[in-house]
Amino acid sequence: MTTVSGLPTNPNLKAATVTCIFRVCCSSLVTQAKMAGTGKDMLLYWGSGSPPCWRLMIVLEEKGLSDCEKKIISFSEKGHKSDEVLKLNPRGQVPTFKCGNLVINESNASCLFLEDTYKSGTQLIPSEPARKANVLQRMFEVPSFNKVAFEDVLGQYFFAKKPEDIDQEKMKKGKAALKEELAMWEGYLVKAGGTYLDGGGFTMADAFFFPTLAFLVRNGLKLGPTFPKLAAYYDAVSKRPSVQKSWPPHFKESEGKQHLADVL
């Protein structure tokens, strides 16, 4: 038999029920505390200048998880192939990311996991259907942008043993394709009508896109006056606190090459 309040009238059962409710509430509070944001149980292996690493670091900052433990590796010393990293990531790649007992190594997966799990900080994927669809569309277009930028153009510079090894005809086509890709993103910003790719606030689309754009700028890409919206976008996003705090150290310490200075 129960009272109108829903609690048993029997004293012993009533005490047990209250205790049970108290424990459930405590558990809920703990869960909410985790969702509120703390990176103290997280570990990130990352490399300076890597766009996949950078996007995850931006998301950590935006979600208020900047106290995540971060260990920088050296690509030149093959730190990503160390036993320490391989133990967590058999592919020997960074970012290698550990959240509590979970290991999530793909940067896109890590970013989406953090957005879905932690409700603190910036909401990076809007709830409103039209905006959400737009943000997801831009996020998953970034790999196409990356392919042109890295595989078709910069990869030729990075992996050629000497300048004469570069296929000039292939390079010419790659740079033309990169210019077309940049024009497409310029158009997205015109359509969005705001500072960011969504037109509203900073979203996951910007966290995905900006690191690659910044990498291109470091390698000599001149955005204005050919791409004025992208130039304004770069200036605005580069000043954002999450981007400044995660800015690749070696970008600050040295100048990049001028590989893309002729993509006008």
Protein backbone atom coordinates (compact mmCIF):
# COMPACT_ATOMS: atom_id res chain seq x y z
CA MET A 1 0.00 0.00 0.00
CA THR A 2 1.26 3.50 -0.84
CA THR A 3 0.38 7.03 0.12
CA VAL A 4 -0.87 9.70 -2.25
CA SER A 5 2.77 10.88 -2.61
CA GLY A 6 3.69 7.48 -4.03
CA LEU A 7 5.84 6.41 -1.05
CA PRO A 8 5.01 3.19 0.89
CA THR A 9 3.23 3.56 4.23
CA ASN A 10 5.39 0.79 5.76
CA PRO A 11 8.27 2.61 7.57
CA ASN A 12 10.95 0.13 6.49
CA LEU A 13 9.84 0.15 2.85
CA LYS A 14 9.52 3.91 2.95
CA ALA A 15 13.12 4.31 4.21
CA ALA A 16 14.42 1.90 1.56
CA THR A 17 12.53 3.75 -1.18
CA VAL A 18 13.85 7.15 -0.07
CA THR A 19 17.41 5.75 0.01
CA CYS A 20 16.98 4.37 -3.49
CA ILE A 21 15.66 7.70 -4.80
CA PHE A 22 18.57 9.52 -3.12
CA ARG A 23 21.12 7.22 -4.80
CA VAL A 24 19.49 7.68 -8.21
CA CYS A 25 19.56 11.46 -7.75
CA CYS A 26 23.22 11.36 -6.72
CA SER A 27 24.05 9.24 -9.73
CA SER A 28 22.21 11.71 -11.95
CA LEU A 29 24.11 14.61 -10.41
CA VAL A 30 27.43 12.86 -11.05
CA THR A 31 26.42 12.27 -14.66
CA GLN A 32 25.43 15.92 -15.01
CA ALA A 33 28.74 16.98 -13.47
CA LYS A 34 30.60 14.95 -16.07
CA MET A 35 28.49 16.47 -18.80
CA ALA A 36 29.23 19.92 -17.39
CA GLY A 37 32.80 19.50 -18.57
CA THR A 38 36.11 18.32 -17.19
CA GLY A 39 38.99 17.03 -19.22
CA LYS A 40 41.00 15.70 -16.28
CA ASP A 41 40.31 12.08 -17.23
CA MET A 42 41.36 12.68 -20.86
CA LEU A 43 44.67 12.18 -22.65
CA LEU A 44 45.57 13.48 -26.11
CA TYR A 45 48.65 12.72 -28.18
CA TRP A 46 48.98 15.36 -30.89
CA GLY A 47 51.35 16.81 -33.45
CA SER A 48 51.89 20.52 -34.09
CA GLY A 49 50.30 21.72 -37.32
CA SER A 50 48.25 18.59 -37.97
CA PRO A 51 44.75 19.75 -39.01
CA PRO A 52 43.06 16.64 -37.52
CA CYS A 53 44.82 17.26 -34.18
CA TRP A 54 44.04 20.95 -34.30
CA ARG A 55 40.31 20.47 -34.91
CA LEU A 56 40.06 18.20 -31.86
CA MET A 57 41.99 20.68 -29.73
CA ILE A 58 39.65 23.48 -30.82
CA VAL A 59 36.65 21.36 -29.82
CA LEU A 60 38.21 20.60 -26.42
CA GLU A 61 38.63 24.34 -25.85
CA GLU A 62 35.12 25.17 -27.04
CA LYS A 63 33.58 22.51 -24.77
CA GLY A 64 35.47 23.76 -21.71
CA LEU A 65 37.70 20.67 -21.58
CA SER A 66 41.03 22.45 -21.89
CA ASP A 67 42.38 20.69 -18.79
CA CYS A 68 42.75 17.53 -20.88
CA GLU A 69 46.30 16.15 -20.55
CA LYS A 70 48.11 16.80 -23.84
CA LYS A 71 51.33 15.14 -25.00
CA ILE A 72 52.95 16.58 -28.11
CA ILE A 73 54.81 14.17 -30.39
CA SER A 74 57.46 14.89 -33.02
CA PHE A 75 56.65 13.73 -36.53
CA SER A 76 60.31 14.01 -37.57
CA GLU A 77 61.26 11.67 -34.74
CA LYS A 78 58.32 9.37 -35.56
CA GLY A 79 56.72 9.94 -32.18
CA HIS A 80 53.39 8.78 -33.62
CA LYS A 81 54.96 5.32 -34.08
CA SER A 82 56.20 5.08 -30.49
CA ASP A 83 55.16 2.16 -28.28
CA GLU A 84 53.32 4.65 -26.06
CA VAL A 85 51.05 5.72 -28.94
CA LEU A 86 50.81 2.31 -30.63
CA LYS A 87 49.51 0.85 -27.37
CA LEU A 88 46.39 3.01 -27.82
CA ASN A 89 46.36 3.42 -31.58
CA PRO A 90 47.61 0.46 -33.65
CA ARG A 91 47.58 2.66 -36.76
CA GLY A 92 50.28 4.85 -35.24
CA GLN A 93 48.52 8.10 -36.01
CA VAL A 94 47.59 11.27 -34.16
CA PRO A 95 45.37 12.44 -32.72
CA THR A 96 45.33 9.51 -30.36
CA PHE A 97 42.67 10.32 -27.79
CA LYS A 98 41.67 8.63 -24.54
CA CYS A 99 38.57 9.69 -22.59
CA GLY A 100 38.33 7.78 -19.32
CA ASN A 101 38.52 4.15 -20.38
CA LEU A 102 37.44 4.92 -23.95
CA VAL A 103 39.91 5.26 -26.81
CA ILE A 104 38.65 7.25 -29.80
CA ASN A 105 41.38 7.90 -32.32
CA GLU A 106 39.70 9.30 -35.40
CA SER A 107 39.49 13.09 -35.03
CA ASN A 108 36.00 13.36 -36.51
CA ALA A 109 34.70 10.62 -34.22
CA SER A 110 36.36 12.23 -31.19
CA CYS A 111 34.84 15.63 -31.96
CA LEU A 112 31.35 14.21 -32.42
CA PHE A 113 31.67 12.13 -29.24
CA LEU A 114 32.62 15.21 -27.21
CA GLU A 115 29.75 17.25 -28.65
CA ASP A 116 27.23 14.50 -27.90
CA THR A 117 28.55 13.67 -24.41
CA TYR A 118 29.50 17.04 -22.90
CA LYS A 119 26.90 19.77 -22.76
CA SER A 120 29.27 22.40 -21.41
CA GLY A 121 30.71 25.27 -23.42
CA THR A 122 29.71 25.95 -27.01
CA GLN A 123 26.96 23.97 -28.68
CA LEU A 124 28.81 23.08 -31.88
CA ILE A 125 26.00 21.31 -33.74
CA PRO A 126 22.76 23.32 -33.72
CA SER A 127 19.46 21.70 -32.73
CA GLU A 128 17.36 23.52 -35.31
CA PRO A 129 16.99 21.12 -38.28
CA ALA A 130 17.94 23.48 -41.13
CA ARG A 131 21.05 24.78 -39.37
CA LYS A 132 21.99 21.29 -38.21
CA ALA A 133 21.74 19.98 -41.77
CA ASN A 134 23.91 22.82 -43.06
CA VAL A 135 26.59 22.29 -40.41
CA LEU A 136 26.71 18.53 -41.00
CA GLN A 137 26.91 19.11 -44.76
CA ARG A 138 29.91 21.43 -44.40
CA MET A 139 31.62 19.14 -41.88
CA PHE A 140 31.52 16.19 -44.23
CA GLU A 141 32.61 18.27 -47.21
CA VAL A 142 35.93 19.08 -45.52
CA PRO A 143 37.52 15.74 -46.61
CA SER A 144 36.98 16.77 -50.24
CA PHE A 145 38.74 20.05 -49.51
CA ASN A 146 41.55 18.19 -47.75
CA LYS A 147 42.04 15.81 -50.67
CA VAL A 148 42.62 18.61 -53.15
CA ALA A 149 44.80 20.58 -50.73
CA PHE A 150 47.02 17.76 -49.49
CA GLU A 151 46.92 14.92 -52.01
CA ASP A 152 46.72 16.93 -55.22
CA VAL A 153 48.97 19.85 -54.30
CA LEU A 154 50.96 20.03 -51.06
CA GLY A 155 51.71 16.30 -50.98
CA GLN A 156 53.75 16.71 -54.15
CA TYR A 157 55.96 19.30 -52.45
CA PHE A 158 56.27 17.36 -49.19
CA PHE A 159 57.21 14.00 -50.69
CA ALA A 160 59.37 15.05 -53.64
CA LYS A 161 63.04 14.34 -52.90
CA LYS A 162 64.07 17.21 -55.17
CA PRO A 163 62.14 19.95 -57.03
CA GLU A 164 62.57 18.31 -60.42
CA ASP A 165 60.66 15.25 -59.15
CA ILE A 166 57.45 17.28 -59.10
CA ASP A 167 55.10 16.61 -62.00
CA GLN A 168 54.47 20.16 -63.15
CA GLU A 169 51.43 19.29 -65.26
CA LYS A 170 49.85 17.46 -62.33
CA MET A 171 50.72 20.38 -60.07
CA LYS A 172 49.11 22.85 -62.46
CA LYS A 173 45.88 20.82 -62.50
CA GLY A 174 45.99 20.41 -58.72
CA LYS A 175 46.32 24.14 -58.11
CA ALA A 176 43.48 24.85 -60.55
CA ALA A 177 41.31 22.36 -58.65
CA LEU A 178 42.30 24.00 -55.35
CA LYS A 179 41.27 27.41 -56.67
CA GLU A 180 37.89 25.97 -57.68
CA GLU A 181 37.48 24.41 -54.24
CA LEU A 182 38.29 27.70 -52.52
CA ALA A 183 35.76 29.48 -54.74
CA MET A 184 33.14 26.98 -53.57
CA TRP A 185 33.82 27.74 -49.91
CA GLU A 186 33.86 31.45 -50.69
CA GLY A 187 30.35 30.94 -52.07
CA TYR A 188 29.25 29.13 -48.93
CA LEU A 189 30.28 32.12 -46.83
CA VAL A 190 28.46 34.51 -49.17
CA LYS A 191 25.32 32.37 -48.87
CA ALA A 192 25.67 32.08 -45.08
CA GLY A 193 25.71 35.86 -44.79
CA GLY A 194 27.67 35.93 -41.53
CA THR A 195 31.11 35.51 -40.03
CA TYR A 196 31.00 31.72 -39.87
CA LEU A 197 30.11 28.90 -42.24
CA ASP A 198 26.70 28.50 -40.64
CA GLY A 199 25.96 32.21 -40.78
CA GLY A 200 25.22 32.20 -37.05
CA GLY A 201 27.73 31.30 -34.38
CA PHE A 202 30.89 29.22 -34.45
CA THR A 203 30.07 25.54 -35.11
CA MET A 204 31.69 22.18 -35.68
CA ALA A 205 31.88 23.03 -39.38
CA ASP A 206 34.34 25.82 -38.54
CA ALA A 207 36.34 23.57 -36.22
CA PHE A 208 36.71 21.09 -39.09
CA PHE A 209 37.39 23.59 -41.88
CA PHE A 210 39.59 26.28 -40.36
CA PRO A 211 42.70 24.18 -39.54
CA THR A 212 43.09 23.18 -43.19
CA LEU A 213 42.55 26.74 -44.38
CA ALA A 214 45.15 27.99 -41.88
CA PHE A 215 47.60 25.30 -43.05
CA LEU A 216 47.19 26.56 -46.62
CA VAL A 217 47.72 30.18 -45.56
CA ARG A 218 50.91 29.12 -43.78
CA ASN A 219 52.04 27.59 -47.06
CA GLY A 220 51.69 30.83 -48.96
CA LEU A 221 48.00 30.98 -49.94
CA LYS A 222 46.86 34.58 -50.42
CA LEU A 223 43.12 34.82 -49.77
CA GLY A 224 42.41 38.44 -50.63
CA PRO A 225 41.37 40.03 -52.91
CA THR A 226 40.45 36.86 -54.86
CA PHE A 227 38.56 35.38 -51.92
CA PRO A 228 37.50 38.34 -49.72
CA LYS A 229 34.96 36.36 -47.66
CA LEU A 230 37.52 33.66 -46.88
CA ALA A 231 40.06 36.36 -46.00
CA ALA A 232 37.61 37.98 -43.54
CA TYR A 233 36.69 34.54 -42.21
CA TYR A 234 40.35 33.64 -41.63
CA ASP A 235 41.00 36.90 -39.79
CA ALA A 236 37.93 36.47 -37.56
CA VAL A 237 38.37 32.79 -36.68
CA SER A 238 42.12 33.11 -36.11
CA LYS A 239 41.34 35.55 -33.27
CA ARG A 240 38.85 33.23 -31.57
CA PRO A 241 40.15 32.22 -28.07
CA SER A 242 39.82 28.47 -28.71
CA VAL A 243 41.83 28.83 -31.93
CA GLN A 244 44.47 31.07 -30.37
CA LYS A 245 44.96 28.73 -27.41
CA SER A 246 45.41 25.72 -29.70
CA TRP A 247 47.48 27.49 -32.38
CA PRO A 248 50.32 25.16 -33.51
CA PRO A 249 53.51 26.16 -31.67
CA HIS A 250 55.77 25.90 -34.69
CA PHE A 251 53.44 28.18 -36.68
CA LYS A 252 54.41 30.90 -34.19
CA GLU A 253 58.10 30.04 -34.18
CA SER A 254 58.84 29.92 -37.91
CA GLU A 255 57.46 30.96 -41.29
CA GLY A 256 55.98 28.47 -43.70
CA LYS A 257 56.89 27.87 -47.33
CA GLN A 258 55.40 29.80 -50.24
CA HIS A 259 54.18 26.76 -52.16
CA LEU A 260 50.73 28.23 -52.79
CA ALA A 261 51.63 31.85 -53.48
CA ASP A 262 50.65 31.42 -57.15
CA VAL A 263 47.10 30.15 -56.41
CA LEU A 264 45.46 33.51 -57.19
